[in-house]
Amino acid sequence: MKNKIWRLEYTITLFILFGTILILLPVSITRTSQARLISRWNEQYNRADYMFSVIKVNIDEETEKTFEQAKGDEDRNLLAIQLIQPYLRIDTSKKVSKFYKIRYMDKSKVLKGQEYYFDNLHYMEKNIIVGIKNVKTENKNLPVYKMMFDLNGKRPPNTWGKDIFGIDVYSDSTIKPFGEGLSMDALEKDCSSEGSGVTCSYYYKIGGAFDEKI
């Protein structure tokens, strides 16, 4: 009798442990995956920072004049891609599928015409998708280009703050991650399931915690 009771208790305990593992496993996998992406973003940001520091040193007057004389956004975007292509090993012959869509962290769609919508997309090494667009401004304190990096390429989640991060590029070739300059409260709100996720680009760089609800 005692052996039967012991076996029953043992079986129940195993079921409880197994059920707990099944519940916690997806959370653990998500947390680990996100930690890896955040680490990769920090590496990619440092690489972009180094790239633009090299460009700043080596850019000549003729190249600067070419940018100044560019007639429109499309020409400026093309010039920018040509400039950074050898550093990021961009393959302009490989097209990003038209079915590739990006979402904000709150699961809403990134719509054409919005500030963080990119239609000039290319593949770089490791199948990372990089986007770049010219920003119309004559204010030297504002960025002249915006860039995005989808570290997972076309694989999901294709979401700002999860696998997509971005930078502002200034006329003096300095860069800043999206969100720099915002308060910690604003960053925490935006880098959550209730926000866009765009400012996670800066929030994670300063040690912000991953929102486990997203």
N, C-alpha and C. Protein backbone atom coordinates (compact mmCIF):
# COMPACT_ATOMS: atom_id res chain seq x y z
N MET A 1 0.83 -1.21 0.00
CA MET A 1 0.00 0.00 0.00
C MET A 1 0.86 1.26 0.00
N LYS A 2 1.89 1.21 0.87
CA LYS A 2 2.78 2.38 0.95
C LYS A 2 3.50 2.60 -0.36
N ASN A 3 3.88 1.47 -1.03
CA ASN A 3 4.58 1.59 -2.32
C ASN A 3 3.70 2.24 -3.38
N LYS A 4 2.40 1.92 -3.39
CA LYS A 4 1.46 2.49 -4.35
C LYS A 4 1.30 3.99 -4.12
N ILE A 5 1.19 4.38 -2.85
CA ILE A 5 1.05 5.80 -2.51
C ILE A 5 2.32 6.56 -2.93
N TRP A 6 3.47 5.93 -2.67
CA TRP A 6 4.75 6.58 -3.01
C TRP A 6 4.86 6.77 -4.52
N ARG A 7 4.46 5.73 -5.27
CA ARG A 7 4.51 5.82 -6.73
C ARG A 7 3.56 6.89 -7.27
N LEU A 8 2.40 7.00 -6.66
CA LEU A 8 1.42 8.01 -7.07
C LEU A 8 1.97 9.41 -6.81
N GLU A 9 2.54 9.61 -5.62
CA GLU A 9 3.11 10.91 -5.28
C GLU A 9 4.28 11.25 -6.21
N TYR A 10 5.08 10.24 -6.54
CA TYR A 10 6.23 10.44 -7.41
C TYR A 10 5.76 10.84 -8.82
N THR A 11 4.72 10.16 -9.30
CA THR A 11 4.18 10.45 -10.63
C THR A 11 3.60 11.86 -10.69
N ILE A 12 2.86 12.24 -9.65
CA ILE A 12 2.28 13.59 -9.60
C ILE A 12 3.37 14.65 -9.59
N THR A 13 4.43 14.38 -8.82
CA THR A 13 5.56 15.33 -8.76
C THR A 13 6.21 15.49 -10.13
N LEU A 14 6.38 14.37 -10.84
CA LEU A 14 6.97 14.43 -12.17
C LEU A 14 6.10 15.24 -13.13
N PHE A 15 4.78 15.03 -13.05
CA PHE A 15 3.86 15.77 -13.91
C PHE A 15 3.95 17.28 -13.63
N ILE A 16 4.03 17.63 -12.35
CA ILE A 16 4.14 19.04 -11.97
C ILE A 16 5.43 19.65 -12.50
N LEU A 17 6.54 18.92 -12.33
CA LEU A 17 7.84 19.41 -12.81
C LEU A 17 7.84 19.56 -14.32
N PHE A 18 7.28 18.57 -15.01
CA PHE A 18 7.23 18.59 -16.47
C PHE A 18 6.38 19.76 -16.96
N GLY A 19 5.24 19.97 -16.28
CA GLY A 19 4.36 21.08 -16.65
C GLY A 19 5.03 22.43 -16.43
N THR A 20 5.77 22.54 -15.33
CA THR A 20 6.49 23.79 -15.04
C THR A 20 7.53 24.08 -16.10
N ILE A 21 8.25 23.03 -16.53
CA ILE A 21 9.27 23.18 -17.56
C ILE A 21 8.65 23.65 -18.87
N LEU A 22 7.50 23.06 -19.23
CA LEU A 22 6.82 23.43 -20.46
C LEU A 22 6.38 24.89 -20.44
N ILE A 23 5.98 25.37 -19.26
CA ILE A 23 5.53 26.76 -19.12
C ILE A 23 6.72 27.72 -19.21
N LEU A 24 7.81 27.37 -18.56
CA LEU A 24 8.96 28.27 -18.47
C LEU A 24 9.86 28.22 -19.69
N LEU A 25 9.85 27.12 -20.43
CA LEU A 25 10.76 26.95 -21.55
C LEU A 25 10.61 28.03 -22.63
N PRO A 26 9.39 28.34 -23.10
CA PRO A 26 9.27 29.40 -24.12
C PRO A 26 9.80 30.74 -23.64
N VAL A 27 9.56 31.07 -22.36
CA VAL A 27 10.05 32.33 -21.79
C VAL A 27 11.57 32.36 -21.80
N SER A 28 12.16 31.22 -21.40
CA SER A 28 13.62 31.12 -21.35
C SER A 28 14.22 31.24 -22.74
N ILE A 29 13.62 30.58 -23.72
CA ILE A 29 14.12 30.64 -25.10
C ILE A 29 14.02 32.06 -25.63
N THR A 30 12.88 32.72 -25.39
CA THR A 30 12.68 34.09 -25.86
C THR A 30 13.71 35.03 -25.24
N ARG A 31 13.92 34.87 -23.92
CA ARG A 31 14.87 35.73 -23.21
C ARG A 31 16.28 35.55 -23.76
N THR A 32 16.68 34.28 -24.00
CA THR A 32 18.01 33.99 -24.52
C THR A 32 18.17 34.53 -25.93
N SER A 33 17.15 34.32 -26.77
CA SER A 33 17.20 34.81 -28.15
C SER A 33 17.31 36.33 -28.19
N GLN A 34 16.53 37.01 -27.34
CA GLN A 34 16.57 38.47 -27.32
C GLN A 34 17.92 38.97 -26.82
N ALA A 35 18.48 38.30 -25.84
CA ALA A 35 19.79 38.69 -25.31
C ALA A 35 20.86 38.60 -26.41
N ARG A 36 20.76 37.58 -27.24
CA ARG A 36 21.71 37.42 -28.34
C ARG A 36 21.55 38.54 -29.35
N LEU A 37 20.30 38.89 -29.67
CA LEU A 37 20.05 39.96 -30.63
C LEU A 37 20.54 41.31 -30.11
N ILE A 38 20.35 41.55 -28.81
CA ILE A 38 20.83 42.80 -28.21
C ILE A 38 22.35 42.86 -28.27
N SER A 39 23.00 41.73 -28.02
CA SER A 39 24.45 41.66 -28.11
C SER A 39 24.91 41.92 -29.54
N ARG A 40 24.21 41.34 -30.50
CA ARG A 40 24.55 41.55 -31.91
C ARG A 40 24.32 43.01 -32.31
N TRP A 41 23.29 43.63 -31.76
CA TRP A 41 23.03 45.03 -32.06
C TRP A 41 24.18 45.91 -31.56
N ASN A 42 24.66 45.64 -30.37
CA ASN A 42 25.78 46.42 -29.83
C ASN A 42 27.01 46.27 -30.73
N GLU A 43 27.25 45.06 -31.21
CA GLU A 43 28.37 44.83 -32.12
C GLU A 43 28.16 45.58 -33.44
N GLN A 44 26.93 45.53 -33.97
CA GLN A 44 26.64 46.19 -35.24
C GLN A 44 26.75 47.71 -35.10
N TYR A 45 26.30 48.24 -33.98
CA TYR A 45 26.41 49.68 -33.75
C TYR A 45 27.87 50.11 -33.70
N ASN A 46 28.69 49.37 -32.97
CA ASN A 46 30.11 49.71 -32.87
C ASN A 46 30.78 49.64 -34.24
N ARG A 47 30.35 48.69 -35.03
CA ARG A 47 30.92 48.58 -36.38
C ARG A 47 30.51 49.77 -37.24
N ALA A 48 29.24 50.17 -37.14
CA ALA A 48 28.76 51.33 -37.91
C ALA A 48 29.48 52.60 -37.47
N ASP A 49 29.70 52.72 -36.17
CA ASP A 49 30.40 53.90 -35.63
C ASP A 49 31.82 53.96 -36.18
N TYR A 50 32.48 52.82 -36.21
CA TYR A 50 33.84 52.78 -36.76
C TYR A 50 33.83 53.09 -38.25
N MET A 51 32.85 52.53 -38.97
CA MET A 51 32.74 52.74 -40.41
C MET A 51 32.65 54.23 -40.73
N PHE A 52 31.77 54.93 -40.04
CA PHE A 52 31.59 56.36 -40.34
C PHE A 52 32.79 57.20 -39.89
N SER A 53 33.50 56.74 -38.88
CA SER A 53 34.71 57.46 -38.47
C SER A 53 35.78 57.35 -39.55
N VAL A 54 35.85 56.17 -40.20
CA VAL A 54 36.79 55.97 -41.30
C VAL A 54 36.36 56.80 -42.51
N ILE A 55 35.07 56.80 -42.80
CA ILE A 55 34.55 57.58 -43.93
C ILE A 55 34.86 59.07 -43.73
N LYS A 56 34.69 59.55 -42.51
CA LYS A 56 34.94 60.96 -42.20
C LYS A 56 36.39 61.33 -42.51
N VAL A 57 37.31 60.45 -42.20
CA VAL A 57 38.73 60.72 -42.43
C VAL A 57 39.08 60.68 -43.92
N ASN A 58 38.43 59.79 -44.66
CA ASN A 58 38.83 59.53 -46.05
C ASN A 58 37.98 60.22 -47.11
N ILE A 59 36.85 60.78 -46.75
CA ILE A 59 35.99 61.40 -47.74
C ILE A 59 36.68 62.64 -48.32
N ASP A 60 36.57 62.83 -49.62
CA ASP A 60 37.24 63.96 -50.27
C ASP A 60 36.22 65.01 -50.70
N GLU A 61 36.73 66.15 -51.15
CA GLU A 61 35.87 67.28 -51.53
C GLU A 61 34.98 66.92 -52.71
N GLU A 62 35.49 66.12 -53.61
CA GLU A 62 34.70 65.74 -54.79
C GLU A 62 33.48 64.93 -54.39
N THR A 63 33.67 64.00 -53.46
CA THR A 63 32.54 63.19 -52.99
C THR A 63 31.52 64.06 -52.27
N GLU A 64 31.99 64.97 -51.43
CA GLU A 64 31.09 65.89 -50.72
C GLU A 64 30.29 66.72 -51.71
N LYS A 65 30.95 67.19 -52.76
CA LYS A 65 30.28 68.02 -53.77
C LYS A 65 29.22 67.19 -54.51
N THR A 66 29.52 65.92 -54.75
CA THR A 66 28.57 65.03 -55.43
C THR A 66 27.30 64.88 -54.61
N PHE A 67 27.45 64.75 -53.30
CA PHE A 67 26.29 64.64 -52.42
C PHE A 67 25.49 65.95 -52.44
N GLU A 68 26.18 67.06 -52.40
CA GLU A 68 25.52 68.37 -52.39
C GLU A 68 24.73 68.62 -53.68
N GLN A 69 25.24 68.10 -54.78
CA GLN A 69 24.61 68.35 -56.07
C GLN A 69 23.56 67.30 -56.45
N ALA A 70 23.40 66.28 -55.61
CA ALA A 70 22.39 65.25 -55.87
C ALA A 70 21.01 65.88 -55.97
N LYS A 71 20.22 65.45 -56.95
CA LYS A 71 18.96 66.12 -57.26
C LYS A 71 17.79 65.74 -56.35
N GLY A 72 17.83 64.58 -55.76
CA GLY A 72 16.70 64.14 -54.95
C GLY A 72 17.06 63.04 -53.98
N ASP A 73 16.07 62.58 -53.22
CA ASP A 73 16.29 61.54 -52.21
C ASP A 73 16.84 60.26 -52.81
N GLU A 74 16.29 59.89 -53.98
CA GLU A 74 16.72 58.63 -54.60
C GLU A 74 18.20 58.67 -54.95
N ASP A 75 18.66 59.81 -55.51
CA ASP A 75 20.07 59.96 -55.86
C ASP A 75 20.95 59.94 -54.61
N ARG A 76 20.50 60.62 -53.55
CA ARG A 76 21.29 60.67 -52.31
C ARG A 76 21.36 59.29 -51.66
N ASN A 77 20.25 58.56 -51.71
CA ASN A 77 20.25 57.20 -51.15
C ASN A 77 21.22 56.30 -51.92
N LEU A 78 21.23 56.44 -53.25
CA LEU A 78 22.12 55.64 -54.08
C LEU A 78 23.58 55.96 -53.78
N LEU A 79 23.88 57.25 -53.63
CA LEU A 79 25.24 57.67 -53.30
C LEU A 79 25.68 57.13 -51.94
N ALA A 80 24.75 57.16 -50.97
CA ALA A 80 25.06 56.67 -49.63
C ALA A 80 25.34 55.17 -49.65
N ILE A 81 24.54 54.41 -50.41
CA ILE A 81 24.75 52.97 -50.53
C ILE A 81 26.11 52.68 -51.14
N GLN A 82 26.47 53.44 -52.18
CA GLN A 82 27.77 53.25 -52.83
C GLN A 82 28.92 53.55 -51.87
N LEU A 83 28.70 54.52 -50.99
CA LEU A 83 29.74 54.92 -50.04
C LEU A 83 29.99 53.86 -48.97
N ILE A 84 28.90 53.27 -48.46
CA ILE A 84 29.03 52.31 -47.36
C ILE A 84 29.13 50.86 -47.84
N GLN A 85 28.88 50.63 -49.12
CA GLN A 85 28.84 49.27 -49.66
C GLN A 85 30.08 48.43 -49.34
N PRO A 86 31.29 48.95 -49.56
CA PRO A 86 32.46 48.10 -49.26
C PRO A 86 32.67 47.81 -47.78
N TYR A 87 32.18 48.68 -46.92
CA TYR A 87 32.35 48.47 -45.47
C TYR A 87 31.39 47.43 -44.93
N LEU A 88 30.16 47.43 -45.45
CA LEU A 88 29.13 46.50 -44.97
C LEU A 88 28.95 45.30 -45.90
N ARG A 89 29.71 45.29 -47.00
CA ARG A 89 29.61 44.21 -47.99
C ARG A 89 28.17 44.04 -48.46
N ILE A 90 27.61 45.12 -48.91
CA ILE A 90 26.23 45.13 -49.39
C ILE A 90 26.16 44.52 -50.78
N ASP A 91 25.21 43.63 -50.98
CA ASP A 91 25.00 42.99 -52.28
C ASP A 91 23.79 43.65 -52.95
N THR A 92 24.05 44.59 -53.84
CA THR A 92 22.96 45.33 -54.48
C THR A 92 22.21 44.48 -55.52
N SER A 93 22.78 43.34 -55.90
CA SER A 93 22.12 42.48 -56.89
C SER A 93 21.05 41.59 -56.25
N LYS A 94 21.12 41.46 -54.94
CA LYS A 94 20.17 40.61 -54.23
C LYS A 94 19.03 41.46 -53.68
N LYS A 95 17.84 41.24 -54.16
CA LYS A 95 16.69 42.07 -53.81
C LYS A 95 15.94 41.53 -52.59
N VAL A 96 15.48 42.45 -51.76
CA VAL A 96 14.65 42.08 -50.60
C VAL A 96 13.22 41.89 -51.09
N SER A 97 12.60 40.80 -50.70
CA SER A 97 11.25 40.47 -51.16
C SER A 97 10.25 41.57 -50.84
N LYS A 98 9.32 41.80 -51.76
CA LYS A 98 8.28 42.79 -51.55
C LYS A 98 7.32 42.38 -50.43
N PHE A 99 7.38 41.10 -50.05
CA PHE A 99 6.53 40.60 -48.97
C PHE A 99 7.15 40.84 -47.59
N TYR A 100 8.35 41.36 -47.57
CA TYR A 100 9.02 41.68 -46.31
C TYR A 100 8.34 42.89 -45.67
N LYS A 101 7.78 42.69 -44.49
CA LYS A 101 7.06 43.76 -43.80
C LYS A 101 7.60 43.92 -42.37
N ILE A 102 7.58 45.16 -41.91
CA ILE A 102 8.09 45.47 -40.58
C ILE A 102 6.94 45.92 -39.67
N ARG A 103 7.05 45.55 -38.39
CA ARG A 103 6.06 45.96 -37.40
C ARG A 103 6.73 46.68 -36.24
N TYR A 104 5.92 47.47 -35.55
CA TYR A 104 6.38 48.08 -34.30
C TYR A 104 6.21 47.06 -33.19
N MET A 105 6.76 47.36 -32.03
CA MET A 105 6.71 46.43 -30.91
C MET A 105 5.28 46.21 -30.40
N ASP A 106 4.41 47.20 -30.60
CA ASP A 106 3.02 47.03 -30.17
C ASP A 106 2.20 46.25 -31.21
N LYS A 107 2.90 45.68 -32.21
CA LYS A 107 2.34 44.81 -33.26
C LYS A 107 1.63 45.57 -34.37
N SER A 108 1.62 46.90 -34.33
CA SER A 108 1.04 47.66 -35.43
C SER A 108 2.02 47.70 -36.60
N LYS A 109 1.49 47.89 -37.82
CA LYS A 109 2.32 47.88 -39.02
C LYS A 109 3.06 49.21 -39.18
N VAL A 110 4.26 49.11 -39.72
CA VAL A 110 5.00 50.31 -40.11
C VAL A 110 4.52 50.67 -41.52
N LEU A 111 3.88 51.81 -41.64
CA LEU A 111 3.23 52.19 -42.90
C LEU A 111 4.12 53.10 -43.75
N LYS A 112 3.95 53.00 -45.05
CA LYS A 112 4.72 53.82 -45.98
C LYS A 112 4.47 55.29 -45.68
N GLY A 113 5.52 56.07 -45.67
CA GLY A 113 5.41 57.50 -45.39
C GLY A 113 5.74 57.85 -43.96
N GLN A 114 5.72 56.85 -43.08
CA GLN A 114 6.06 57.11 -41.68
C GLN A 114 7.57 57.28 -41.52
N GLU A 115 7.96 57.92 -40.44
CA GLU A 115 9.37 58.25 -40.22
C GLU A 115 10.28 57.03 -40.23
N TYR A 116 9.78 55.92 -39.72
CA TYR A 116 10.64 54.73 -39.61
C TYR A 116 10.26 53.65 -40.63
N TYR A 117 9.71 54.09 -41.74
CA TYR A 117 9.47 53.19 -42.88
C TYR A 117 10.65 53.33 -43.84
N PHE A 118 11.20 52.20 -44.28
CA PHE A 118 12.32 52.19 -45.22
C PHE A 118 11.93 51.38 -46.45
N ASP A 119 12.10 51.97 -47.63
CA ASP A 119 11.84 51.19 -48.84
C ASP A 119 13.13 50.95 -49.64
N ASN A 120 14.22 51.57 -49.22
CA ASN A 120 15.51 51.35 -49.86
C ASN A 120 16.28 50.31 -49.04
N LEU A 121 15.99 49.04 -49.33
CA LEU A 121 16.51 47.93 -48.52
C LEU A 121 17.49 47.07 -49.31
N HIS A 122 18.51 46.59 -48.62
CA HIS A 122 19.52 45.75 -49.26
C HIS A 122 19.99 44.69 -48.27
N TYR A 123 20.58 43.62 -48.82
CA TYR A 123 21.21 42.60 -47.99
C TYR A 123 22.69 42.94 -47.82
N MET A 124 23.17 42.81 -46.59
CA MET A 124 24.60 42.91 -46.35
C MET A 124 25.08 41.54 -45.87
N GLU A 125 26.32 41.44 -45.41
CA GLU A 125 26.83 40.13 -44.99
C GLU A 125 25.99 39.53 -43.87
N LYS A 126 26.02 38.21 -43.77
CA LYS A 126 25.27 37.44 -42.79
C LYS A 126 23.76 37.59 -42.99
N ASN A 127 23.36 38.00 -44.21
CA ASN A 127 21.95 38.16 -44.59
C ASN A 127 21.21 39.20 -43.75
N ILE A 128 21.95 40.11 -43.13
CA ILE A 128 21.32 41.23 -42.43
C ILE A 128 20.70 42.16 -43.47
N ILE A 129 19.51 42.64 -43.19
CA ILE A 129 18.88 43.61 -44.08
C ILE A 129 19.18 45.01 -43.57
N VAL A 130 19.73 45.85 -44.44
CA VAL A 130 20.05 47.22 -44.07
C VAL A 130 19.20 48.17 -44.92
N GLY A 131 18.65 49.18 -44.27
CA GLY A 131 17.86 50.19 -44.97
C GLY A 131 18.46 51.56 -44.72
N ILE A 132 18.36 52.43 -45.71
CA ILE A 132 18.89 53.78 -45.56
C ILE A 132 17.98 54.76 -46.28
N LYS A 133 17.79 55.92 -45.68
CA LYS A 133 17.00 56.94 -46.37
C LYS A 133 17.49 58.33 -45.99
N ASN A 134 17.43 59.21 -46.98
CA ASN A 134 17.83 60.58 -46.80
C ASN A 134 16.76 61.34 -46.02
N VAL A 135 17.21 62.23 -45.15
CA VAL A 135 16.29 63.07 -44.38
C VAL A 135 16.47 64.51 -44.85
N LYS A 136 15.38 65.11 -45.29
CA LYS A 136 15.45 66.48 -45.81
C LYS A 136 15.58 67.47 -44.66
N THR A 137 16.74 68.10 -44.57
CA THR A 137 16.94 69.11 -43.54
C THR A 137 18.15 69.97 -43.89
N GLU A 138 18.09 71.22 -43.49
CA GLU A 138 19.24 72.12 -43.64
C GLU A 138 19.83 72.46 -42.28
N ASN A 139 19.25 71.88 -41.25
CA ASN A 139 19.73 72.09 -39.88
C ASN A 139 20.84 71.10 -39.58
N LYS A 140 22.05 71.61 -39.34
CA LYS A 140 23.20 70.75 -39.11
C LYS A 140 23.12 69.97 -37.80
N ASN A 141 22.17 70.37 -36.94
CA ASN A 141 21.99 69.66 -35.66
C ASN A 141 21.08 68.44 -35.81
N LEU A 142 20.49 68.30 -36.98
CA LEU A 142 19.59 67.17 -37.23
C LEU A 142 20.26 66.16 -38.16
N PRO A 143 19.84 64.89 -38.09
CA PRO A 143 20.44 63.87 -38.95
C PRO A 143 20.14 64.08 -40.42
N VAL A 144 21.05 63.65 -41.27
CA VAL A 144 20.84 63.74 -42.71
C VAL A 144 20.44 62.39 -43.31
N TYR A 145 20.71 61.31 -42.57
CA TYR A 145 20.29 59.97 -42.99
C TYR A 145 19.79 59.19 -41.79
N LYS A 146 18.92 58.24 -42.07
CA LYS A 146 18.51 57.25 -41.08
C LYS A 146 18.85 55.88 -41.64
N MET A 147 19.30 55.00 -40.76
CA MET A 147 19.61 53.63 -41.18
C MET A 147 18.97 52.63 -40.23
N MET A 148 18.56 51.50 -40.78
CA MET A 148 18.02 50.42 -39.97
C MET A 148 18.75 49.13 -40.29
N PHE A 149 18.81 48.25 -39.30
CA PHE A 149 19.45 46.95 -39.46
C PHE A 149 18.52 45.87 -38.92
N ASP A 150 18.09 44.97 -39.80
CA ASP A 150 17.32 43.80 -39.35
C ASP A 150 18.31 42.67 -39.20
N LEU A 151 18.67 42.38 -37.96
CA LEU A 151 19.73 41.42 -37.67
C LEU A 151 19.36 39.98 -38.02
N ASN A 152 18.06 39.72 -38.14
CA ASN A 152 17.58 38.38 -38.50
C ASN A 152 17.33 38.24 -40.00
N GLY A 153 17.56 39.31 -40.73
CA GLY A 153 17.22 39.28 -42.15
C GLY A 153 15.72 39.16 -42.34
N LYS A 154 15.32 38.36 -43.30
CA LYS A 154 13.89 38.23 -43.60
C LYS A 154 13.15 37.35 -42.60
N ARG A 155 13.89 36.66 -41.75
CA ARG A 155 13.24 35.79 -40.75
C ARG A 155 12.52 36.63 -39.71
N PRO A 156 11.40 36.13 -39.18
CA PRO A 156 10.67 36.87 -38.14
C PRO A 156 11.50 37.02 -36.87
N PRO A 157 11.17 37.99 -36.01
CA PRO A 157 9.90 38.72 -35.97
C PRO A 157 9.82 39.97 -36.84
N ASN A 158 10.94 40.47 -37.42
CA ASN A 158 10.92 41.69 -38.25
C ASN A 158 10.22 42.83 -37.52
N THR A 159 10.66 43.07 -36.31
CA THR A 159 9.99 44.02 -35.43
C THR A 159 11.00 44.98 -34.79
N TRP A 160 10.64 46.28 -34.79
CA TRP A 160 11.49 47.26 -34.14
C TRP A 160 11.67 46.90 -32.66
N GLY A 161 12.92 46.93 -32.22
CA GLY A 161 13.22 46.66 -30.82
C GLY A 161 13.41 45.20 -30.49
N LYS A 162 13.08 44.32 -31.44
CA LYS A 162 13.32 42.88 -31.24
C LYS A 162 14.52 42.44 -32.08
N ASP A 163 14.36 42.50 -33.40
CA ASP A 163 15.49 42.19 -34.27
C ASP A 163 15.87 43.35 -35.17
N ILE A 164 15.14 44.48 -35.08
CA ILE A 164 15.44 45.65 -35.90
C ILE A 164 15.83 46.83 -35.01
N PHE A 165 16.94 47.47 -35.37
CA PHE A 165 17.44 48.62 -34.63
C PHE A 165 17.94 49.65 -35.64
N GLY A 166 18.15 50.90 -35.16
CA GLY A 166 18.55 51.91 -36.14
C GLY A 166 19.38 53.04 -35.58
N ILE A 167 19.93 53.82 -36.51
CA ILE A 167 20.78 54.95 -36.15
C ILE A 167 20.44 56.18 -36.98
N ASP A 168 20.72 57.33 -36.41
CA ASP A 168 20.72 58.60 -37.12
C ASP A 168 22.14 58.89 -37.54
N VAL A 169 22.32 59.37 -38.77
CA VAL A 169 23.63 59.73 -39.29
C VAL A 169 23.65 61.23 -39.54
N TYR A 170 24.66 61.91 -39.02
CA TYR A 170 24.75 63.37 -39.12
C TYR A 170 25.76 63.78 -40.20
N SER A 171 25.69 65.05 -40.58
CA SER A 171 26.52 65.56 -41.68
C SER A 171 28.01 65.45 -41.40
N ASP A 172 28.39 65.40 -40.13
CA ASP A 172 29.81 65.26 -39.79
C ASP A 172 30.22 63.80 -39.62
N SER A 173 29.37 62.89 -40.09
CA SER A 173 29.61 61.43 -40.06
C SER A 173 29.55 60.82 -38.66
N THR A 174 29.03 61.55 -37.69
CA THR A 174 28.78 60.95 -36.38
C THR A 174 27.42 60.26 -36.42
N ILE A 175 27.23 59.29 -35.53
CA ILE A 175 25.96 58.57 -35.49
C ILE A 175 25.42 58.53 -34.07
N LYS A 176 24.11 58.33 -33.98
CA LYS A 176 23.46 58.15 -32.69
C LYS A 176 22.37 57.09 -32.84
N PRO A 177 22.20 56.23 -31.84
CA PRO A 177 21.11 55.25 -31.91
C PRO A 177 19.76 55.94 -31.73
N PHE A 178 18.74 55.42 -32.38
CA PHE A 178 17.40 55.99 -32.23
C PHE A 178 17.02 56.01 -30.75
N GLY A 179 16.57 57.16 -30.28
CA GLY A 179 16.12 57.28 -28.89
C GLY A 179 17.08 58.03 -28.00
N GLU A 180 18.31 58.26 -28.46
CA GLU A 180 19.28 58.96 -27.62
C GLU A 180 18.77 60.38 -27.33
N GLY A 181 18.83 60.77 -26.07
CA GLY A 181 18.37 62.09 -25.67
C GLY A 181 17.03 62.06 -24.96
N LEU A 182 16.30 60.93 -25.08
CA LEU A 182 15.01 60.81 -24.39
C LEU A 182 15.22 60.42 -22.93
N SER A 183 14.23 60.72 -22.10
CA SER A 183 14.31 60.36 -20.69
C SER A 183 14.16 58.86 -20.53
N MET A 184 14.60 58.34 -19.38
CA MET A 184 14.50 56.90 -19.12
C MET A 184 13.04 56.45 -19.10
N ASP A 185 12.15 57.28 -18.56
CA ASP A 185 10.72 56.93 -18.53
C ASP A 185 10.17 56.78 -19.94
N ALA A 186 10.56 57.72 -20.82
CA ALA A 186 10.08 57.67 -22.21
C ALA A 186 10.63 56.44 -22.92
N LEU A 187 11.89 56.12 -22.66
CA LEU A 187 12.51 54.95 -23.27
C LEU A 187 11.84 53.66 -22.81
N GLU A 188 11.59 53.55 -21.51
CA GLU A 188 10.95 52.35 -20.96
C GLU A 188 9.55 52.15 -21.54
N LYS A 189 8.83 53.25 -21.72
CA LYS A 189 7.47 53.15 -22.26
C LYS A 189 7.49 52.73 -23.72
N ASP A 190 8.40 53.32 -24.49
CA ASP A 190 8.44 53.02 -25.93
C ASP A 190 9.03 51.64 -26.19
N CYS A 191 9.99 51.23 -25.36
CA CYS A 191 10.62 49.92 -25.55
C CYS A 191 9.85 48.86 -24.75
N SER A 192 8.57 48.73 -25.08
CA SER A 192 7.68 47.79 -24.39
C SER A 192 6.58 47.37 -25.35
N SER A 193 5.74 46.47 -24.91
CA SER A 193 4.64 45.99 -25.75
C SER A 193 3.61 47.07 -26.04
N GLU A 194 3.73 48.21 -25.36
CA GLU A 194 2.81 49.32 -25.58
C GLU A 194 3.41 50.39 -26.50
N GLY A 195 4.67 50.23 -26.86
CA GLY A 195 5.35 51.26 -27.63
C GLY A 195 5.76 50.80 -29.02
N SER A 196 6.53 51.66 -29.69
CA SER A 196 6.96 51.36 -31.05
C SER A 196 8.17 50.42 -31.08
N GLY A 197 9.01 50.49 -30.04
CA GLY A 197 10.22 49.69 -30.01
C GLY A 197 11.40 50.34 -30.72
N VAL A 198 11.15 51.46 -31.38
CA VAL A 198 12.21 52.14 -32.14
C VAL A 198 13.35 52.58 -31.22
N THR A 199 12.98 53.13 -30.06
CA THR A 199 14.01 53.68 -29.17
C THR A 199 14.74 52.61 -28.36
N CYS A 200 14.38 51.34 -28.55
CA CYS A 200 15.16 50.26 -27.93
C CYS A 200 16.60 50.31 -28.42
N SER A 201 16.80 50.91 -29.59
CA SER A 201 18.14 51.02 -30.17
C SER A 201 19.09 51.70 -29.20
N TYR A 202 18.59 52.68 -28.47
CA TYR A 202 19.41 53.36 -27.45
C TYR A 202 19.21 52.74 -26.07
N TYR A 203 17.97 52.39 -25.76
CA TYR A 203 17.62 51.87 -24.43
C TYR A 203 18.46 50.65 -24.06
N TYR A 204 18.61 49.71 -25.01
CA TYR A 204 19.39 48.51 -24.73
C TYR A 204 20.88 48.80 -24.64
N LYS A 205 21.33 49.83 -25.34
CA LYS A 205 22.75 50.16 -25.30
C LYS A 205 23.17 50.71 -23.94
N ILE A 206 22.23 51.31 -23.22
CA ILE A 206 22.56 51.85 -21.90
C ILE A 206 22.13 50.90 -20.78
N GLY A 207 21.85 49.65 -21.15
CA GLY A 207 21.57 48.62 -20.14
C GLY A 207 20.12 48.45 -19.79
N GLY A 208 19.21 48.96 -20.62
CA GLY A 208 17.78 48.81 -20.36
C GLY A 208 17.37 47.34 -20.34
N ALA A 209 16.41 47.01 -19.50
CA ALA A 209 15.98 45.61 -19.34
C ALA A 209 14.99 45.22 -20.42
N PHE A 210 15.09 43.98 -20.87
CA PHE A 210 14.18 43.42 -21.86
C PHE A 210 12.81 43.20 -21.23
N ASP A 211 11.77 43.70 -21.90
CA ASP A 211 10.39 43.54 -21.42
C ASP A 211 9.92 42.13 -21.76
N GLU A 212 9.77 41.29 -20.78
CA GLU A 212 9.42 39.89 -21.01
C GLU A 212 7.99 39.68 -21.50
N LYS A 213 7.17 40.73 -21.48
CA LYS A 213 5.78 40.60 -21.92
C LYS A 213 5.66 40.66 -23.43
N ILE A 214 6.70 41.19 -24.13
CA ILE A 214 6.57 41.36 -25.57
C ILE A 214 6.78 40.05 -26.32
